[in-house]
């Protein structure tokens, strides 16, 4: 097995990695919110469970986006 020596990333590297992780989380939350809103708009009215699930998924996506941006 081969081990590679990796130099320490330091404070600036930690800040960079954490900011990239936060930006990716916010983008994922926004994407899930867009998909949930699209599914809510395209729902079919006769099925009573589909709108409830769409509203629930939008609520979960909003809470996730709010938690990631706070």
N, C-alpha and C. Protein backbone atom coordinates (compact mmCIF):
# COMPACT_ATOMS: atom_id res chain seq x y z
N UNK A 1 0.84 -1.17 0.00
CA UNK A 1 0.00 0.00 0.00
C UNK A 1 0.89 1.24 0.00
N UNK A 2 0.48 2.22 -0.77
CA UNK A 2 1.27 3.44 -0.91
C UNK A 2 0.57 4.57 -0.15
N UNK A 3 1.33 5.30 0.62
CA UNK A 3 0.80 6.44 1.35
C UNK A 3 1.39 7.71 0.76
N UNK A 4 0.55 8.68 0.56
CA UNK A 4 1.01 9.96 0.03
C UNK A 4 1.07 10.98 1.15
N UNK A 5 2.12 11.74 1.13
CA UNK A 5 2.26 12.78 2.15
C UNK A 5 1.54 14.03 1.65
N UNK A 6 0.56 14.46 2.41
CA UNK A 6 -0.24 15.63 2.04
C UNK A 6 0.11 16.76 3.00
N UNK A 7 0.46 17.92 2.47
CA UNK A 7 0.77 19.03 3.36
C UNK A 7 -0.49 19.50 4.09
N UNK A 8 -0.33 20.05 5.29
CA UNK A 8 -1.50 20.54 6.02
C UNK A 8 -2.18 21.69 5.26
N UNK A 9 -3.50 21.77 5.34
CA UNK A 9 -4.19 22.79 4.57
C UNK A 9 -4.22 24.14 5.27
N UNK A 10 -4.11 24.15 6.57
CA UNK A 10 -4.07 25.42 7.29
C UNK A 10 -5.45 26.06 7.42
N UNK A 11 -5.45 27.25 8.03
CA UNK A 11 -6.71 27.94 8.30
C UNK A 11 -7.41 28.37 7.02
N UNK A 12 -6.66 28.90 6.06
CA UNK A 12 -7.28 29.36 4.81
C UNK A 12 -7.91 28.20 4.06
N UNK A 13 -7.28 27.05 4.07
CA UNK A 13 -7.85 25.88 3.42
C UNK A 13 -9.13 25.40 4.08
N UNK A 14 -9.16 25.45 5.41
CA UNK A 14 -10.37 25.06 6.14
C UNK A 14 -11.51 26.01 5.82
N UNK A 15 -11.22 27.31 5.78
CA UNK A 15 -12.25 28.29 5.45
C UNK A 15 -12.75 28.08 4.03
N UNK A 16 -11.85 27.81 3.10
CA UNK A 16 -12.24 27.58 1.72
C UNK A 16 -13.11 26.34 1.59
N UNK A 17 -12.69 25.24 2.20
CA UNK A 17 -13.45 23.99 2.10
C UNK A 17 -14.82 24.14 2.75
N UNK A 18 -14.90 24.81 3.89
CA UNK A 18 -16.19 24.97 4.54
C UNK A 18 -17.11 25.90 3.76
N UNK A 19 -16.55 26.93 3.12
CA UNK A 19 -17.40 27.81 2.32
C UNK A 19 -17.89 27.11 1.06
N UNK A 20 -17.06 26.27 0.46
CA UNK A 20 -17.51 25.48 -0.69
C UNK A 20 -18.60 24.50 -0.26
N UNK A 21 -18.44 23.87 0.88
CA UNK A 21 -19.46 22.93 1.38
C UNK A 21 -20.77 23.66 1.65
N UNK A 22 -20.69 24.85 2.23
CA UNK A 22 -21.92 25.62 2.50
C UNK A 22 -22.58 26.04 1.20
N UNK A 23 -21.81 26.46 0.21
CA UNK A 23 -22.38 26.87 -1.07
C UNK A 23 -23.04 25.68 -1.77
N UNK A 24 -22.41 24.52 -1.73
CA UNK A 24 -23.01 23.33 -2.34
C UNK A 24 -24.29 22.92 -1.62
N UNK A 25 -24.33 23.06 -0.30
CA UNK A 25 -25.54 22.73 0.45
C UNK A 25 -26.68 23.68 0.10
N UNK A 26 -26.37 24.96 -0.02
CA UNK A 26 -27.40 25.94 -0.38
C UNK A 26 -27.91 25.68 -1.80
N UNK A 27 -27.00 25.35 -2.72
CA UNK A 27 -27.42 25.05 -4.09
C UNK A 27 -28.28 23.78 -4.13
N UNK A 28 -27.94 22.77 -3.33
CA UNK A 28 -28.74 21.55 -3.30
C UNK A 28 -30.12 21.83 -2.72
N UNK A 29 -30.19 22.66 -1.69
CA UNK A 29 -31.48 23.01 -1.11
C UNK A 29 -32.32 23.80 -2.10
N UNK A 30 -31.70 24.71 -2.83
CA UNK A 30 -32.43 25.49 -3.82
C UNK A 30 -32.93 24.60 -4.95
N UNK A 31 -32.10 23.68 -5.39
CA UNK A 31 -32.52 22.76 -6.45
C UNK A 31 -33.67 21.88 -6.00
N UNK A 32 -33.61 21.39 -4.77
CA UNK A 32 -34.72 20.57 -4.28
C UNK A 32 -35.99 21.40 -4.14
N UNK A 33 -35.86 22.67 -3.78
CA UNK A 33 -37.02 23.55 -3.70
C UNK A 33 -37.63 23.79 -5.08
N UNK A 34 -36.80 23.97 -6.08
CA UNK A 34 -37.29 24.18 -7.45
C UNK A 34 -37.99 22.92 -7.96
N UNK A 35 -37.41 21.77 -7.70
CA UNK A 35 -38.04 20.52 -8.13
C UNK A 35 -39.36 20.29 -7.41
N UNK A 36 -39.39 20.58 -6.10
CA UNK A 36 -40.63 20.40 -5.35
C UNK A 36 -41.71 21.36 -5.84
N UNK A 37 -41.34 22.60 -6.14
CA UNK A 37 -42.32 23.56 -6.66
C UNK A 37 -42.82 23.13 -8.03
N UNK A 38 -41.93 22.62 -8.87
CA UNK A 38 -42.33 22.14 -10.19
C UNK A 38 -43.30 20.98 -10.08
N UNK A 39 -43.02 20.05 -9.17
CA UNK A 39 -43.93 18.92 -8.97
C UNK A 39 -45.27 19.38 -8.40
N UNK A 40 -45.24 20.40 -7.56
CA UNK A 40 -46.49 20.93 -7.01
C UNK A 40 -47.34 21.57 -8.10
N UNK A 41 -46.72 22.31 -9.00
CA UNK A 41 -47.46 22.97 -10.08
C UNK A 41 -48.01 21.94 -11.06
N UNK A 42 -47.27 20.88 -11.33
CA UNK A 42 -47.67 19.88 -12.32
C UNK A 42 -48.52 18.76 -11.75
N UNK A 43 -48.97 18.87 -10.51
CA UNK A 43 -49.73 17.79 -9.90
C UNK A 43 -51.08 17.61 -10.60
N UNK A 44 -51.65 16.44 -10.43
CA UNK A 44 -52.96 16.14 -11.02
C UNK A 44 -54.01 16.25 -9.91
N UNK A 45 -55.06 17.02 -10.09
CA UNK A 45 -56.02 17.29 -9.02
C UNK A 45 -56.78 16.08 -8.46
N UNK A 46 -57.12 15.02 -9.22
CA UNK A 46 -57.94 13.96 -8.64
C UNK A 46 -57.30 13.19 -7.49
N UNK A 47 -56.00 13.13 -7.43
CA UNK A 47 -55.35 12.36 -6.38
C UNK A 47 -55.16 13.23 -5.14
N UNK A 48 -55.82 12.93 -4.04
CA UNK A 48 -55.74 13.81 -2.86
C UNK A 48 -54.41 13.75 -2.13
N UNK A 49 -53.66 12.68 -2.29
CA UNK A 49 -52.41 12.55 -1.55
C UNK A 49 -51.26 13.29 -2.21
N UNK A 50 -51.28 13.42 -3.53
CA UNK A 50 -50.18 14.06 -4.25
C UNK A 50 -49.97 15.52 -3.85
N UNK A 51 -51.02 16.37 -3.73
CA UNK A 51 -50.78 17.75 -3.30
C UNK A 51 -50.22 17.83 -1.88
N UNK A 52 -50.69 16.96 -1.01
CA UNK A 52 -50.18 16.98 0.37
C UNK A 52 -48.69 16.63 0.39
N UNK A 53 -48.30 15.64 -0.39
CA UNK A 53 -46.88 15.28 -0.44
C UNK A 53 -46.05 16.40 -1.08
N UNK A 54 -46.59 17.06 -2.10
CA UNK A 54 -45.87 18.16 -2.73
C UNK A 54 -45.68 19.31 -1.76
N UNK A 55 -46.74 19.65 -1.02
CA UNK A 55 -46.64 20.74 -0.03
C UNK A 55 -45.65 20.36 1.06
N UNK A 56 -45.68 19.11 1.49
CA UNK A 56 -44.73 18.66 2.51
C UNK A 56 -43.30 18.72 2.00
N UNK A 57 -43.07 18.33 0.75
CA UNK A 57 -41.70 18.38 0.21
C UNK A 57 -41.23 19.82 0.05
N UNK A 58 -42.14 20.74 -0.31
CA UNK A 58 -41.77 22.15 -0.39
C UNK A 58 -41.42 22.68 0.99
N UNK A 59 -42.19 22.30 2.01
CA UNK A 59 -41.90 22.75 3.37
C UNK A 59 -40.55 22.23 3.85
N UNK A 60 -40.25 20.97 3.56
CA UNK A 60 -38.96 20.40 3.96
C UNK A 60 -37.82 21.12 3.24
N UNK A 61 -38.00 21.38 1.94
CA UNK A 61 -36.95 22.07 1.18
C UNK A 61 -36.75 23.49 1.69
N UNK A 62 -37.84 24.19 2.02
CA UNK A 62 -37.72 25.56 2.56
C UNK A 62 -36.97 25.56 3.90
N UNK A 63 -37.31 24.63 4.79
CA UNK A 63 -36.63 24.56 6.07
C UNK A 63 -35.16 24.25 5.88
N UNK A 64 -34.85 23.34 4.95
CA UNK A 64 -33.46 22.97 4.69
C UNK A 64 -32.69 24.16 4.12
N UNK A 65 -33.30 24.88 3.19
CA UNK A 65 -32.63 26.06 2.59
C UNK A 65 -32.43 27.13 3.65
N UNK A 66 -33.43 27.32 4.52
CA UNK A 66 -33.29 28.33 5.60
C UNK A 66 -32.20 27.92 6.58
N UNK A 67 -32.14 26.65 6.92
CA UNK A 67 -31.13 26.18 7.89
C UNK A 67 -29.73 26.29 7.31
N UNK A 68 -29.57 26.04 6.01
CA UNK A 68 -28.25 26.12 5.40
C UNK A 68 -27.79 27.55 5.21
N UNK A 69 -28.72 28.48 5.02
CA UNK A 69 -28.31 29.86 4.77
C UNK A 69 -28.18 30.66 6.06
N UNK A 70 -28.65 30.14 7.17
CA UNK A 70 -28.59 30.88 8.45
C UNK A 70 -27.25 30.72 9.10
